[in-house]
Amino acid sequence: MGTAGSRVTRHAVALHGDAVGYSKLIADNEIETHNTVQAFGRIIDEIVTAESGELTQFVGDEFLAILPTEADAVSAAIEIQRRLAVENESLPAGRKLRFRLGVNAGDLSVADGQWYGEAINVAARLQAIAEPGASTSPGRPSMRPATSQSGSSPSARSVSRISPNPYTSSASLIS
């Protein structure tokens, strides 16, 4: 976006994610963990792209995505958690890779492919306080795909129900 050295600022939404227990998983089995992270990265990129966003960084166990609206970011966060939970079902208990996600809107700048802005910093701080397998945004302490009636795994039909606080609109998401 822009030419070398140019800086563009626009209102956007940062979605920041970090894998829980990544260092231990790497220490236990570096190759399997790397393969899982790579597979999950492709899923995250697919979801973010489907929501008109861009996966701008994926380094180690951490990623940053930029999306155009709060609704797009929340939808992406919910779908990421749902899809990764489904993928985790096929992994042994000690190999599951769960992400914490943080979402925050604000004016973001990009220069030479690098994104900057307070909204990114806040999204990273919110991610740090999210429960494993959940997402956090201002005013919403924990967003998690609902579980199916048969157990703890999310189903495609249950994603519209978020616990503990269902969304009423994207306007209520960011205060």
C-alpha atoms as a PDB file:
ATOM      1  CA  MET A   1       0.000   0.000   0.000  1.00  0.00           C
ATOM      2  CA  GLY A   2       1.845   3.111  -1.171  1.00  0.00           C
ATOM      3  CA  THR A   3       5.341   3.570  -2.503  1.00  0.00           C
ATOM      4  CA  ALA A   4       8.608   3.149  -0.638  1.00  0.00           C
ATOM      5  CA  GLY A   5       8.854   5.644   2.188  1.00  0.00           C
ATOM      6  CA  SER A   6       5.242   6.811   1.903  1.00  0.00           C
ATOM      7  CA  ARG A   7       2.935   6.563   4.878  1.00  0.00           C
ATOM      8  CA  VAL A   8      -0.820   6.098   4.634  1.00  0.00           C
ATOM      9  CA  THR A   9      -3.193   6.412   7.605  1.00  0.00           C
ATOM     10  CA  ARG A  10      -6.757   5.123   7.722  1.00  0.00           C
ATOM     11  CA  HIS A  11      -9.352   3.882  10.169  1.00  0.00           C
ATOM     12  CA  ALA A  12      -9.139   0.095  10.423  1.00  0.00           C
ATOM     13  CA  VAL A  13      -9.315  -2.741  12.927  1.00  0.00           C
ATOM     14  CA  ALA A  14      -6.372  -4.708  14.273  1.00  0.00           C
ATOM     15  CA  LEU A  15      -6.795  -8.401  15.059  1.00  0.00           C
ATOM     16  CA  HIS A  16      -3.835  -9.700  17.054  1.00  0.00           C
ATOM     17  CA  GLY A  17      -3.314 -13.365  17.905  1.00  0.00           C
ATOM     18  CA  ASP A  18      -0.868 -15.376  19.950  1.00  0.00           C
ATOM     19  CA  ALA A  19      -0.655 -19.136  20.528  1.00  0.00           C
ATOM     20  CA  VAL A  20      -0.935 -20.382  24.101  1.00  0.00           C
ATOM     21  CA  GLY A  21       1.894 -22.628  25.324  1.00  0.00           C
ATOM     22  CA  TYR A  22       3.858 -22.357  22.081  1.00  0.00           C
ATOM     23  CA  SER A  23       7.298 -22.492  23.740  1.00  0.00           C
ATOM     24  CA  LYS A  24       6.479 -25.754  25.512  1.00  0.00           C
ATOM     25  CA  LEU A  25       5.042 -27.264  22.333  1.00  0.00           C
ATOM     26  CA  ILE A  26       8.183 -26.266  20.403  1.00  0.00           C
ATOM     27  CA  ALA A  27      10.403 -27.738  23.104  1.00  0.00           C
ATOM     28  CA  ASP A  28       8.412 -30.996  23.066  1.00  0.00           C
ATOM     29  CA  ASN A  29       8.285 -31.410  19.269  1.00  0.00           C
ATOM     30  CA  GLU A  30       9.536 -28.593  17.072  1.00  0.00           C
ATOM     31  CA  ILE A  31       8.639 -30.190  13.719  1.00  0.00           C
ATOM     32  CA  GLU A  32       5.043 -31.086  14.636  1.00  0.00           C
ATOM     33  CA  THR A  33       4.473 -27.685  16.243  1.00  0.00           C
ATOM     34  CA  HIS A  34       5.867 -25.907  13.195  1.00  0.00           C
ATOM     35  CA  ASN A  35       3.601 -27.966  10.911  1.00  0.00           C
ATOM     36  CA  THR A  36       0.553 -27.182  13.060  1.00  0.00           C
ATOM     37  CA  VAL A  37       1.362 -23.459  13.141  1.00  0.00           C
ATOM     38  CA  GLN A  38       1.814 -23.435   9.354  1.00  0.00           C
ATOM     39  CA  ALA A  39      -1.540 -25.192   8.822  1.00  0.00           C
ATOM     40  CA  PHE A  40      -3.300 -22.871  11.266  1.00  0.00           C
ATOM     41  CA  GLY A  41      -1.663 -19.860   9.577  1.00  0.00           C
ATOM     42  CA  ARG A  42      -3.197 -20.881   6.248  1.00  0.00           C
ATOM     43  CA  ILE A  43      -6.618 -21.180   7.903  1.00  0.00           C
ATOM     44  CA  ILE A  44      -6.253 -17.772   9.571  1.00  0.00           C
ATOM     45  CA  ASP A  45      -5.161 -16.177   6.271  1.00  0.00           C
ATOM     46  CA  GLU A  46      -8.134 -17.721   4.442  1.00  0.00           C
ATOM     47  CA  ILE A  47     -10.604 -16.425   7.041  1.00  0.00           C
ATOM     48  CA  VAL A  48      -9.095 -12.934   7.239  1.00  0.00           C
ATOM     49  CA  THR A  49      -9.061 -12.666   3.437  1.00  0.00           C
ATOM     50  CA  ALA A  50     -12.709 -13.799   3.271  1.00  0.00           C
ATOM     51  CA  GLU A  51     -13.557 -10.891   5.612  1.00  0.00           C
ATOM     52  CA  SER A  52     -11.814  -8.362   3.300  1.00  0.00           C
ATOM     53  CA  GLY A  53      -8.781  -8.194   5.548  1.00  0.00           C
ATOM     54  CA  GLU A  54      -5.060  -8.780   5.239  1.00  0.00           C
ATOM     55  CA  LEU A  55      -2.837 -11.037   7.315  1.00  0.00           C
ATOM     56  CA  THR A  56       0.095  -8.631   7.594  1.00  0.00           C
ATOM     57  CA  GLN A  57       2.418 -10.617   9.870  1.00  0.00           C
ATOM     58  CA  PHE A  58       2.748 -14.165  11.112  1.00  0.00           C
ATOM     59  CA  VAL A  59       5.960 -14.615  13.073  1.00  0.00           C
ATOM     60  CA  GLY A  60       6.475 -17.694  15.217  1.00  0.00           C
ATOM     61  CA  ASP A  61       3.228 -18.082  17.110  1.00  0.00           C
ATOM     62  CA  GLU A  62       1.976 -14.516  16.739  1.00  0.00           C
ATOM     63  CA  PHE A  63       0.003 -12.793  14.000  1.00  0.00           C
ATOM     64  CA  LEU A  64      -1.452  -9.424  13.067  1.00  0.00           C
ATOM     65  CA  ALA A  65      -4.350  -8.956  10.682  1.00  0.00           C
ATOM     66  CA  ILE A  66      -5.884  -5.677   9.549  1.00  0.00           C
ATOM     67  CA  LEU A  67      -9.588  -5.590   8.695  1.00  0.00           C
ATOM     68  CA  PRO A  68     -11.784  -2.756   7.423  1.00  0.00           C
ATOM     69  CA  THR A  69     -14.573  -2.829  10.037  1.00  0.00           C
ATOM     70  CA  GLU A  70     -15.306  -3.994  13.558  1.00  0.00           C
ATOM     71  CA  ALA A  71     -17.950  -6.377  12.203  1.00  0.00           C
ATOM     72  CA  ASP A  72     -15.405  -7.941   9.821  1.00  0.00           C
ATOM     73  CA  ALA A  73     -12.841  -8.332  12.614  1.00  0.00           C
ATOM     74  CA  VAL A  74     -15.304  -9.865  15.064  1.00  0.00           C
ATOM     75  CA  SER A  75     -16.601 -12.224  12.400  1.00  0.00           C
ATOM     76  CA  ALA A  76     -13.031 -13.238  11.549  1.00  0.00           C
ATOM     77  CA  ALA A  77     -12.114 -13.732  15.222  1.00  0.00           C
ATOM     78  CA  ILE A  78     -15.130 -15.944  15.843  1.00  0.00           C
ATOM     79  CA  GLU A  79     -14.527 -18.005  12.725  1.00  0.00           C
ATOM     80  CA  ILE A  80     -10.800 -18.359  13.474  1.00  0.00           C
ATOM     81  CA  GLN A  81     -11.537 -19.699  16.946  1.00  0.00           C
ATOM     82  CA  ARG A  82     -14.247 -22.015  15.615  1.00  0.00           C
ATOM     83  CA  ARG A  83     -12.113 -23.447  12.811  1.00  0.00           C
ATOM     84  CA  LEU A  84      -9.013 -23.864  14.964  1.00  0.00           C
ATOM     85  CA  ALA A  85     -11.068 -25.647  17.644  1.00  0.00           C
ATOM     86  CA  VAL A  86     -12.283 -28.065  14.984  1.00  0.00           C
ATOM     87  CA  GLU A  87      -8.704 -28.625  13.774  1.00  0.00           C
ATOM     88  CA  ASN A  88      -7.541 -29.171  17.365  1.00  0.00           C
ATOM     89  CA  GLU A  89     -10.025 -32.030  17.772  1.00  0.00           C
ATOM     90  CA  SER A  90      -7.795 -34.234  15.621  1.00  0.00           C
ATOM     91  CA  LEU A  91      -4.640 -33.441  17.615  1.00  0.00           C
ATOM     92  CA  PRO A  92      -3.503 -35.346  20.730  1.00  0.00           C
ATOM     93  CA  ALA A  93      -4.225 -33.539  24.017  1.00  0.00           C
ATOM     94  CA  GLY A  94      -0.624 -32.404  24.494  1.00  0.00           C
ATOM     95  CA  ARG A  95      -0.352 -31.050  20.914  1.00  0.00           C
ATOM     96  CA  LYS A  96      -3.404 -28.775  20.765  1.00  0.00           C
ATOM     97  CA  LEU A  97      -2.617 -25.205  19.753  1.00  0.00           C
ATOM     98  CA  ARG A  98      -5.077 -22.608  21.032  1.00  0.00           C
ATOM     99  CA  PHE A  99      -4.900 -18.909  20.255  1.00  0.00           C
ATOM    100  CA  ARG A 100      -5.838 -15.845  22.251  1.00  0.00           C
ATOM    101  CA  LEU A 101      -7.150 -13.023  20.055  1.00  0.00           C
ATOM    102  CA  GLY A 102      -7.494  -9.279  20.639  1.00  0.00           C
ATOM    103  CA  VAL A 103      -9.521  -6.884  18.488  1.00  0.00           C
ATOM    104  CA  ASN A 104      -9.317  -3.076  18.494  1.00  0.00           C
ATOM    105  CA  ALA A 105     -10.270  -0.279  16.090  1.00  0.00           C
ATOM    106  CA  GLY A 106      -8.517   3.022  15.435  1.00  0.00           C
ATOM    107  CA  ASP A 107      -6.403   5.024  13.047  1.00  0.00           C
ATOM    108  CA  LEU A 108      -3.635   2.834  11.668  1.00  0.00           C
ATOM    109  CA  SER A 109      -0.714   3.806   9.491  1.00  0.00           C
ATOM    110  CA  VAL A 110       1.230   1.688   7.043  1.00  0.00           C
ATOM    111  CA  ALA A 111       4.646   2.486   5.615  1.00  0.00           C
ATOM    112  CA  ASP A 112       6.763   0.079   3.588  1.00  0.00           C
ATOM    113  CA  GLY A 113       4.395  -2.781   4.478  1.00  0.00           C
ATOM    114  CA  GLN A 114       4.744  -2.228   8.234  1.00  0.00           C
ATOM    115  CA  TRP A 115       1.603  -1.301  10.208  1.00  0.00           C
ATOM    116  CA  TYR A 116       1.662   1.145  13.150  1.00  0.00           C
ATOM    117  CA  GLY A 117      -0.845   2.604  15.562  1.00  0.00           C
ATOM    118  CA  GLU A 118      -2.239   2.554  19.053  1.00  0.00           C
ATOM    119  CA  ALA A 119      -5.056   0.224  17.963  1.00  0.00           C
ATOM    120  CA  ILE A 120      -2.457  -2.484  17.233  1.00  0.00           C
ATOM    121  CA  ASN A 121      -0.842  -2.036  20.638  1.00  0.00           C
ATOM    122  CA  VAL A 122      -4.223  -2.189  22.368  1.00  0.00           C
ATOM    123  CA  ALA A 123      -5.253  -5.287  20.370  1.00  0.00           C
ATOM    124  CA  ALA A 124      -2.023  -6.993  21.487  1.00  0.00           C
ATOM    125  CA  ARG A 125      -2.727  -6.083  25.145  1.00  0.00           C
ATOM    126  CA  LEU A 126      -6.304  -7.328  24.859  1.00  0.00           C
ATOM    127  CA  GLN A 127      -5.101 -10.577  23.305  1.00  0.00           C
ATOM    128  CA  ALA A 128      -2.822 -11.102  26.283  1.00  0.00           C
ATOM    129  CA  ILE A 129      -5.786 -11.099  28.688  1.00  0.00           C
ATOM    130  CA  ALA A 130      -8.090 -13.272  26.561  1.00  0.00           C
ATOM    131  CA  GLU A 131      -8.763 -16.825  27.667  1.00  0.00           C
ATOM    132  CA  PRO A 132      -7.132 -19.529  25.539  1.00  0.00           C
ATOM    133  CA  GLY A 133      -9.431 -20.205  22.593  1.00  0.00           C
ATOM    134  CA  ALA A 134     -11.233 -16.876  23.050  1.00  0.00           C
ATOM    135  CA  SER A 135     -11.092 -13.299  21.772  1.00  0.00           C
ATOM    136  CA  THR A 136     -11.258  -9.985  23.620  1.00  0.00           C
ATOM    137  CA  SER A 137     -12.173  -6.475  22.540  1.00  0.00           C
ATOM    138  CA  PRO A 138     -13.009  -3.253  24.428  1.00  0.00           C
ATOM    139  CA  GLY A 139     -16.237  -3.756  26.335  1.00  0.00           C
ATOM    140  CA  ARG A 140     -16.285  -7.515  25.603  1.00  0.00           C
ATOM    141  CA  PRO A 141     -14.037  -9.352  28.049  1.00  0.00           C
ATOM    142  CA  SER A 142     -14.320 -12.750  26.360  1.00  0.00           C
ATOM    143  CA  MET A 143     -15.729 -13.782  22.999  1.00  0.00           C
ATOM    144  CA  ARG A 144     -15.772 -17.491  22.333  1.00  0.00           C
ATOM    145  CA  PRO A 145     -17.616 -19.604  19.800  1.00  0.00           C
ATOM    146  CA  ALA A 146     -20.478 -21.345  21.553  1.00  0.00           C
ATOM    147  CA  THR A 147     -20.151 -25.043  22.236  1.00  0.00           C
ATOM    148  CA  SER A 148     -22.413 -27.640  20.699  1.00  0.00           C
ATOM    149  CA  GLN A 149     -25.006 -29.325  22.868  1.00  0.00           C
ATOM    150  CA  SER A 150     -23.138 -32.610  22.595  1.00  0.00           C
ATOM    151  CA  GLY A 151     -19.904 -31.344  24.129  1.00  0.00           C
ATOM    152  CA  SER A 152     -17.169 -28.778  24.058  1.00  0.00           C
ATOM    153  CA  SER A 153     -16.477 -28.611  20.340  1.00  0.00           C
ATOM    154  CA  PRO A 154     -18.019 -25.745  18.405  1.00  0.00           C
ATOM    155  CA  SER A 155     -20.358 -26.415  15.560  1.00  0.00           C
ATOM    156  CA  ALA A 156     -20.926 -24.309  12.469  1.00  0.00           C
ATOM    157  CA  ARG A 157     -24.475 -23.529  13.605  1.00  0.00           C
ATOM    158  CA  SER A 158     -23.437 -22.402  17.085  1.00  0.00           C
ATOM    159  CA  VAL A 159     -21.083 -19.601  16.040  1.00  0.00           C
ATOM    160  CA  SER A 160     -23.789 -16.942  16.145  1.00  0.00           C
ATOM    161  CA  ARG A 161     -24.112 -17.387  19.930  1.00  0.00           C
ATOM    162  CA  ILE A 162     -21.156 -15.928  21.805  1.00  0.00           C
ATOM    163  CA  SER A 163     -20.591 -16.374  25.484  1.00  0.00           C
ATOM    164  CA  PRO A 164     -20.759 -14.650  27.839  1.00  0.00           C
ATOM    165  CA  ASN A 165     -22.210 -11.626  26.002  1.00  0.00           C
ATOM    166  CA  PRO A 166     -23.998 -12.005  22.651  1.00  0.00           C
ATOM    167  CA  TYR A 167     -23.386  -9.249  20.131  1.00  0.00           C
ATOM    168  CA  THR A 168     -26.211  -6.961  19.273  1.00  0.00           C
ATOM    169  CA  SER A 169     -24.343  -4.871  16.725  1.00  0.00           C
ATOM    170  CA  SER A 170     -20.834  -3.909  15.761  1.00  0.00           C
ATOM    171  CA  ALA A 171     -21.498  -0.470  17.259  1.00  0.00           C
ATOM    172  CA  SER A 172     -21.750  -2.040  20.704  1.00  0.00           C
ATOM    173  CA  LEU A 173     -18.483  -3.862  20.205  1.00  0.00           C
ATOM    174  CA  ILE A 174     -16.084  -0.939  20.304  1.00  0.00           C
ATOM    175  CA  SER A 175     -16.777   1.879  22.699  1.00  0.00           C
END
